[in-house]
């Protein structure tokens, strides 16, 4: 079962390795993402040969490592407990609870990204300032961009190449940077200035009215291959960083659509630290013709409107039947703060018709 309290402090988190290598900013990000798991004495926590998307650290209690007759114990607070119980994949030995235990679960991919950022982000910012930006340019916009989920998933090796390819253009108050309904040719980041988002009057959709330094726009049309979904007009003079469509598709787009297969989904939710929901974003008519049992039908067009009704702690596995629409739904959900993946392998269930 899971329990959200009591939570670790930054000082407590710093006792674990390799988390102690994170800079304070990225350690705080990791702290905010932690899941806490409790098990009763005798429960099997991890099985030999198992693959897991999370790293598990022992916070309270004592565990057995290995099979009966060959096992040893690890106690919370010991030197050995400072490292994850399942560092290596696949799991080398069975781990079970000798007493009631409390664990923290850390997503492997997230920790790897944050460790990479801790070692390279300061270099990337400094290098970009030296090589590509005016000498008097501040880096507030860039720091905000690097903290966003969009760029947070980029492999560090790709980052400098990507940022070095930005073009910087000056814009004036009143300039319409992108027009509703036109093809998408660039991805934009606001370096200086403010901009306004607008839709045709026929759309009754709440939107963030303004974009500020470090905010980005234009990626949805590039992800989906569709036309612009809104118009963006500058409210004041400013500077935009823009990236050409082909570079965005090559370097950024793959990271916007994290993927998961049915086995990984089952492993991620097996220990009770996460709940998941299969999401079908096709039209109701398509859904009625055939759909995966227990999936929720939430058409892509309604995703933003109904996001408030979704549980922020649930993992959403978007079914692939919607094609590009499914990919865009994964991106939109992650952009809204949810954890979402494109399901690349169907669960072991035959589709049914309503």
Protein backbone atom coordinates (compact mmCIF):
# COMPACT_ATOMS: atom_id res chain seq x y z
CA UNK A 1 0.00 0.00 0.00
CA UNK A 2 1.09 3.60 -0.42
CA UNK A 3 1.39 6.37 2.09
CA UNK A 4 2.18 9.99 1.36
CA UNK A 5 3.27 10.92 4.92
CA UNK A 6 5.69 11.45 6.47
CA UNK A 7 7.74 12.73 3.57
CA UNK A 8 11.51 12.98 3.37
CA UNK A 9 13.29 16.28 3.68
CA UNK A 10 16.05 17.38 1.32
CA UNK A 11 18.56 16.58 4.05
CA UNK A 12 17.12 13.09 4.42
CA UNK A 13 17.16 12.50 0.67
CA UNK A 14 20.81 13.55 0.52
CA UNK A 15 21.76 10.43 2.52
CA UNK A 16 21.10 8.15 -0.46
CA UNK A 17 23.42 7.38 -3.36
CA UNK A 18 23.71 8.36 -6.20
CA UNK A 19 21.07 10.96 -5.29
CA UNK A 20 23.71 12.81 -3.26
CA UNK A 21 25.37 13.81 -6.56
CA UNK A 22 22.38 15.96 -7.55
CA UNK A 23 22.55 19.74 -7.30
CA UNK A 24 20.02 21.27 -4.85
CA UNK A 25 17.66 22.36 -7.63
CA UNK A 26 17.44 18.91 -9.21
CA UNK A 27 17.33 17.20 -5.82
CA UNK A 28 14.21 19.24 -5.04
CA UNK A 29 12.66 18.07 -8.32
CA UNK A 30 13.35 14.48 -7.36
CA UNK A 31 11.97 15.02 -3.85
CA UNK A 32 8.70 16.33 -5.31
CA UNK A 33 8.33 13.22 -7.50
CA UNK A 34 8.95 10.53 -4.85
CA UNK A 35 6.45 7.77 -4.22
CA UNK A 36 6.30 6.09 -0.78
CA UNK A 37 5.42 2.41 -0.44
CA UNK A 38 4.68 0.31 2.66
CA UNK A 39 4.66 -3.50 2.96
CA UNK A 40 3.93 -5.83 5.83
CA UNK A 41 6.41 -8.38 7.20
CA UNK A 42 6.68 -11.44 4.93
CA UNK A 43 5.74 -9.66 1.71
CA UNK A 44 7.88 -10.24 -1.37
CA UNK A 45 9.10 -6.86 -2.57
CA UNK A 46 11.11 -7.79 -5.65
CA UNK A 47 11.52 -11.14 -7.39
CA UNK A 48 14.69 -12.56 -8.92
CA UNK A 49 14.89 -11.83 -12.66
CA UNK A 50 12.37 -8.99 -12.47
CA UNK A 51 12.81 -5.70 -14.34
CA UNK A 52 11.58 -2.53 -12.68
CA UNK A 53 11.11 1.03 -13.91
CA UNK A 54 11.66 2.31 -10.35
CA UNK A 55 14.54 2.17 -7.89
CA UNK A 56 13.50 1.24 -4.35
CA UNK A 57 15.31 2.60 -1.26
CA UNK A 58 14.67 1.27 2.25
CA UNK A 59 13.49 4.01 4.63
CA UNK A 60 12.17 2.02 7.59
CA UNK A 61 12.36 -1.62 8.71
CA UNK A 62 14.45 -4.58 7.63
CA UNK A 63 14.50 -6.76 4.51
CA UNK A 64 15.79 -10.19 3.49
CA UNK A 65 18.06 -10.39 0.43
CA UNK A 66 18.20 -13.78 -1.32
CA UNK A 67 16.39 -17.09 -1.01
CA UNK A 68 15.88 -19.00 2.24
CA UNK A 69 19.11 -20.54 3.53
CA UNK A 70 21.31 -18.11 1.61
CA UNK A 71 19.79 -14.80 2.59
CA UNK A 72 21.13 -11.88 4.53
CA UNK A 73 19.47 -8.81 6.02
CA UNK A 74 19.62 -5.10 5.26
CA UNK A 75 18.35 -2.65 7.86
CA UNK A 76 17.15 0.90 7.27
CA UNK A 77 19.81 3.45 8.17
CA UNK A 78 22.71 1.09 7.45
CA UNK A 79 25.45 1.85 4.95
CA UNK A 80 24.04 -0.77 2.55
CA UNK A 81 20.57 0.80 2.75
CA UNK A 82 21.97 4.05 1.36
CA UNK A 83 21.86 2.45 -2.10
CA UNK A 84 18.86 1.13 -4.00
CA UNK A 85 17.77 -2.42 -3.26
CA UNK A 86 17.48 -3.09 -6.99
CA UNK A 87 20.32 -1.16 -8.61
CA UNK A 88 21.02 -3.79 -11.26
CA UNK A 89 18.66 -5.12 -13.91
CA UNK A 90 17.38 -7.77 -14.02
CA UNK A 91 16.93 -8.24 -10.27
CA UNK A 92 19.76 -10.48 -9.00
CA UNK A 93 17.99 -11.88 -5.94
CA UNK A 94 14.60 -11.98 -4.28
CA UNK A 95 13.93 -9.30 -1.67
CA UNK A 96 11.29 -9.73 1.00
CA UNK A 97 10.22 -7.82 4.11
CA UNK A 98 11.61 -9.23 7.37
CA UNK A 99 9.58 -6.62 9.27
CA UNK A 100 7.03 -4.02 8.26
CA UNK A 101 8.91 -1.77 5.86
CA UNK A 102 8.61 1.60 4.20
CA UNK A 103 10.32 2.32 0.88
CA UNK A 104 10.71 5.25 -1.45
CA UNK A 105 10.37 4.65 -5.18
CA UNK A 106 12.43 6.72 -7.64
CA UNK A 107 11.80 6.51 -11.38
CA UNK A 108 15.03 5.26 -12.97
CA UNK A 109 14.70 7.40 -16.09
CA UNK A 110 14.03 10.55 -14.08
CA UNK A 111 17.04 10.02 -11.82
CA UNK A 112 19.28 9.39 -14.83
CA UNK A 113 18.09 12.60 -16.49
CA UNK A 114 18.55 14.67 -13.35
CA UNK A 115 22.04 13.27 -12.77
CA UNK A 116 22.90 14.17 -16.37
CA UNK A 117 21.46 17.65 -15.95
CA UNK A 118 23.32 18.21 -12.69
CA UNK A 119 26.61 17.49 -14.43
CA UNK A 120 25.96 19.24 -17.72
CA UNK A 121 23.27 21.93 -17.47
CA UNK A 122 25.54 24.64 -16.12
CA UNK A 123 28.02 23.93 -18.92
CA UNK A 124 25.30 24.03 -21.54
CA UNK A 125 23.97 27.40 -20.38
CA UNK A 126 27.42 28.95 -20.09
CA UNK A 127 28.52 27.55 -23.44
CA UNK A 128 25.41 28.81 -25.20
CA UNK A 129 25.86 32.27 -23.70
CA UNK A 130 29.47 32.42 -24.86
CA UNK A 131 28.88 31.14 -28.36
CA UNK A 132 25.37 32.01 -29.42
CA UNK A 133 23.88 34.87 -27.38
CA UNK A 134 24.72 38.56 -27.05
CA UNK A 135 27.17 39.19 -24.20
CA UNK A 136 24.65 41.15 -22.18
CA UNK A 137 21.91 38.51 -22.45
CA UNK A 138 20.56 37.06 -19.22
CA UNK A 139 19.84 33.37 -18.88
CA UNK A 140 16.54 33.49 -16.96
CA UNK A 141 14.58 32.45 -20.06
CA UNK A 142 16.98 29.59 -20.73
CA UNK A 143 16.99 28.35 -17.14
CA UNK A 144 13.19 28.24 -17.19
CA UNK A 145 13.22 26.36 -20.49
CA UNK A 146 15.71 23.79 -19.20
CA UNK A 147 13.48 23.11 -16.19
CA UNK A 148 10.44 22.39 -18.37
CA UNK A 149 9.26 18.79 -18.96
CA UNK A 150 9.80 19.37 -22.69
CA UNK A 151 13.55 19.87 -22.43
CA UNK A 152 13.95 17.89 -19.20
CA UNK A 153 13.59 14.66 -21.18
CA UNK A 154 16.29 15.50 -23.72
CA UNK A 155 19.49 13.46 -23.47
CA UNK A 156 22.28 15.84 -22.37
CA UNK A 157 24.29 14.88 -25.46
CA UNK A 158 21.56 16.37 -27.68
CA UNK A 159 21.07 19.54 -25.71
CA UNK A 160 23.98 21.69 -26.78
CA UNK A 161 23.46 20.81 -30.45
CA UNK A 162 19.81 21.74 -30.14
CA UNK A 163 20.32 25.04 -28.34
CA UNK A 164 23.12 26.05 -30.66
CA UNK A 165 20.70 25.77 -33.61
CA UNK A 166 18.22 28.31 -32.25
CA UNK A 167 17.74 31.40 -34.41
CA UNK A 168 17.06 34.68 -32.57
CA UNK A 169 14.61 37.12 -34.13
CA UNK A 170 13.43 40.53 -32.96
CA UNK A 171 9.68 41.11 -32.86
CA UNK A 172 7.52 44.18 -32.27
CA UNK A 173 4.42 44.73 -30.18
CA UNK A 174 1.41 43.72 -32.28
CA UNK A 175 3.31 41.23 -34.45
CA UNK A 176 1.33 38.02 -34.96
CA UNK A 177 4.02 35.35 -34.73
CA UNK A 178 1.81 32.39 -35.63
CA UNK A 179 -1.68 32.41 -37.11
CA UNK A 180 -4.49 30.03 -36.29
CA UNK A 181 -4.94 27.45 -39.07
CA UNK A 182 -1.57 27.92 -40.76
CA UNK A 183 1.00 25.09 -41.16
CA UNK A 184 3.60 24.83 -38.41
CA UNK A 185 7.14 25.59 -39.55
CA UNK A 186 8.91 26.59 -36.32
CA UNK A 187 9.07 25.96 -32.59
CA UNK A 188 9.37 29.17 -30.54
CA UNK A 189 10.66 30.22 -27.12
CA UNK A 190 10.17 33.72 -25.73
CA UNK A 191 13.56 35.12 -24.76
CA UNK A 192 12.31 38.63 -24.04
CA UNK A 193 8.83 40.12 -24.01
CA UNK A 194 5.24 38.96 -23.54
CA UNK A 195 2.75 37.40 -25.96
CA UNK A 196 -0.99 36.72 -26.01
CA UNK A 197 -2.74 33.46 -26.97
CA UNK A 198 -6.01 33.75 -28.88
CA UNK A 199 -8.50 31.42 -30.57
CA UNK A 200 -11.44 32.13 -32.89
CA UNK A 201 -14.50 33.31 -30.97
CA UNK A 202 -16.31 30.04 -31.75
CA UNK A 203 -13.94 28.17 -29.41
CA UNK A 204 -15.03 28.22 -25.78
CA UNK A 205 -11.75 26.91 -24.41
CA UNK A 206 -9.91 28.42 -21.43
CA UNK A 207 -6.32 29.32 -22.25
CA UNK A 208 -3.40 30.88 -20.47
CA UNK A 209 -3.84 34.50 -21.65
CA UNK A 210 -0.16 35.41 -21.72
CA UNK A 211 3.23 33.87 -22.39
CA UNK A 212 6.36 35.24 -20.75
CA UNK A 213 10.13 34.87 -20.95
CA UNK A 214 11.06 31.17 -21.02
CA UNK A 215 7.61 30.02 -22.20
CA UNK A 216 7.43 28.13 -25.49
CA UNK A 217 4.81 27.57 -28.15
CA UNK A 218 4.28 25.99 -31.56
CA UNK A 219 5.20 22.43 -30.64
CA UNK A 220 1.68 20.95 -30.92
CA UNK A 221 1.46 21.51 -34.68
CA UNK A 222 4.92 19.99 -35.10
CA UNK A 223 4.06 16.96 -32.96
CA UNK A 224 0.77 16.26 -34.74
CA UNK A 225 1.65 17.48 -38.24
CA UNK A 226 -1.51 19.57 -38.16
CA UNK A 227 -2.06 23.31 -38.49
CA UNK A 228 -1.67 25.90 -35.73
CA UNK A 229 -4.31 25.53 -33.00
CA UNK A 230 -4.08 29.18 -31.84
CA UNK A 231 -2.71 32.58 -32.78
CA UNK A 232 0.17 34.15 -30.82
CA UNK A 233 0.53 37.94 -30.84
CA UNK A 234 3.29 39.94 -29.16
CA UNK A 235 2.14 42.34 -26.44
CA UNK A 236 5.46 44.18 -26.39
CA UNK A 237 8.75 44.36 -28.26
CA UNK A 238 10.86 41.30 -27.67
CA UNK A 239 13.18 38.57 -28.91
CA UNK A 240 12.18 35.03 -29.85
CA UNK A 241 14.33 31.92 -30.17
CA UNK A 242 13.02 29.65 -32.89
CA UNK A 243 13.90 26.20 -34.17
CA UNK A 244 13.15 24.93 -37.66
CA UNK A 245 10.61 22.16 -38.07
CA UNK A 246 13.04 19.48 -39.30
CA UNK A 247 15.40 20.02 -36.36
CA UNK A 248 12.54 19.94 -33.88
CA UNK A 249 11.23 16.66 -35.33
CA UNK A 250 14.70 15.09 -35.34
CA UNK A 251 15.90 16.18 -31.88
CA UNK A 252 12.89 17.05 -29.74
CA UNK A 253 9.78 15.26 -30.94
CA UNK A 254 10.85 11.72 -29.88
CA UNK A 255 11.27 12.85 -26.26
CA UNK A 256 7.74 14.30 -26.17
CA UNK A 257 6.13 10.89 -26.59
CA UNK A 258 7.52 8.60 -23.86
CA UNK A 259 6.54 4.99 -24.50
CA UNK A 260 5.73 1.99 -22.34
CA UNK A 261 4.76 -1.59 -23.11
CA UNK A 262 2.25 -3.75 -21.28
CA UNK A 263 4.91 -5.60 -19.28
CA UNK A 264 6.54 -2.38 -18.09
CA UNK A 265 3.15 -0.95 -17.19
CA UNK A 266 2.33 -4.00 -15.10
CA UNK A 267 5.70 -3.84 -13.32
CA UNK A 268 5.33 -0.16 -12.59
CA UNK A 269 1.98 -0.68 -10.90
CA UNK A 270 2.55 -4.17 -9.42
CA UNK A 271 3.74 -3.02 -6.00
CA UNK A 272 0.88 -0.63 -5.41
CA UNK A 273 2.92 2.55 -5.67
CA UNK A 274 0.98 3.71 -8.75
CA UNK A 275 -2.46 3.28 -10.24
CA UNK A 276 -2.89 3.28 -14.00
CA UNK A 277 -5.65 3.91 -16.50
CA UNK A 278 -5.89 2.95 -20.17
CA UNK A 279 -6.98 5.99 -22.17
CA UNK A 280 -8.58 5.82 -25.61
CA UNK A 281 -8.64 9.28 -27.21
CA UNK A 282 -10.58 8.39 -30.38
CA UNK A 283 -14.05 9.63 -31.21
CA UNK A 284 -16.95 7.90 -29.43
CA UNK A 285 -18.04 6.32 -32.71
CA UNK A 286 -14.62 4.75 -33.20
CA UNK A 287 -14.53 3.64 -29.58
CA UNK A 288 -17.93 1.94 -29.85
CA UNK A 289 -16.84 -0.09 -32.87
CA UNK A 290 -14.04 -1.78 -30.89
CA UNK A 291 -12.05 -0.90 -27.79
CA UNK A 292 -9.87 -2.42 -25.10
CA UNK A 293 -11.89 -3.48 -22.02
CA UNK A 294 -11.64 -1.15 -19.00
CA UNK A 295 -10.29 1.71 -21.13
CA UNK A 296 -11.67 5.21 -20.69
CA UNK A 297 -12.83 7.04 -23.79
CA UNK A 298 -11.77 10.69 -23.67
CA UNK A 299 -11.62 12.21 -27.17
CA UNK A 300 -8.57 14.34 -27.88
CA UNK A 301 -10.70 17.43 -28.56
CA UNK A 302 -12.05 17.26 -24.98
CA UNK A 303 -8.75 16.51 -23.27
CA UNK A 304 -7.94 20.04 -22.11
CA UNK A 305 -11.53 20.75 -21.03
CA UNK A 306 -11.79 17.60 -18.93
CA UNK A 307 -8.26 17.53 -17.55
CA UNK A 308 -9.52 18.78 -14.17
CA UNK A 309 -11.55 15.58 -13.81
CA UNK A 310 -8.44 13.37 -14.14
CA UNK A 311 -6.49 12.17 -11.12
CA UNK A 312 -3.03 13.74 -11.06
CA UNK A 313 -1.53 10.71 -9.25
CA UNK A 314 -2.70 8.21 -11.88
CA UNK A 315 -0.41 6.99 -14.67
CA UNK A 316 -2.18 7.29 -18.04
CA UNK A 317 -1.33 4.75 -20.74
CA UNK A 318 -2.70 6.10 -24.02
CA UNK A 319 -3.76 3.38 -26.44
CA UNK A 320 -2.11 3.66 -29.87
CA UNK A 321 -5.24 3.20 -32.02
CA UNK A 322 -5.58 6.96 -32.41
CA UNK A 323 -2.29 7.21 -34.32
CA UNK A 324 -0.95 10.76 -34.32
CA UNK A 325 -3.85 11.78 -32.07
CA UNK A 326 -2.61 9.35 -29.43
CA UNK A 327 0.90 10.82 -29.62
CA UNK A 328 -0.45 14.34 -29.25
CA UNK A 329 -2.57 13.26 -26.25
CA UNK A 330 0.53 11.90 -24.49
CA UNK A 331 2.32 15.20 -25.03
CA UNK A 332 -0.66 17.29 -23.87
CA UNK A 333 -1.15 15.21 -20.72
CA UNK A 334 2.51 15.50 -19.75
CA UNK A 335 2.41 19.22 -20.50
CA UNK A 336 -0.55 19.54 -18.12
CA UNK A 337 1.41 17.87 -15.33
CA UNK A 338 0.17 14.28 -15.66
CA UNK A 339 2.32 11.18 -16.14
CA UNK A 340 1.42 9.74 -19.52
CA UNK A 341 2.91 7.21 -21.94
CA UNK A 342 2.07 5.84 -25.36
CA UNK A 343 1.27 2.15 -24.92
CA UNK A 344 3.31 0.31 -27.56
CA UNK A 345 2.02 -3.17 -26.80
CA UNK A 346 -1.59 -4.07 -26.14
CA UNK A 347 -2.63 -5.67 -22.83
CA UNK A 348 -3.57 -9.33 -23.17
CA UNK A 349 -7.23 -8.60 -23.83
CA UNK A 350 -9.27 -8.85 -27.02
CA UNK A 351 -11.04 -5.65 -28.11
CA UNK A 352 -14.76 -5.54 -27.55
CA UNK A 353 -17.56 -3.61 -29.24
CA UNK A 354 -20.02 -1.54 -27.25
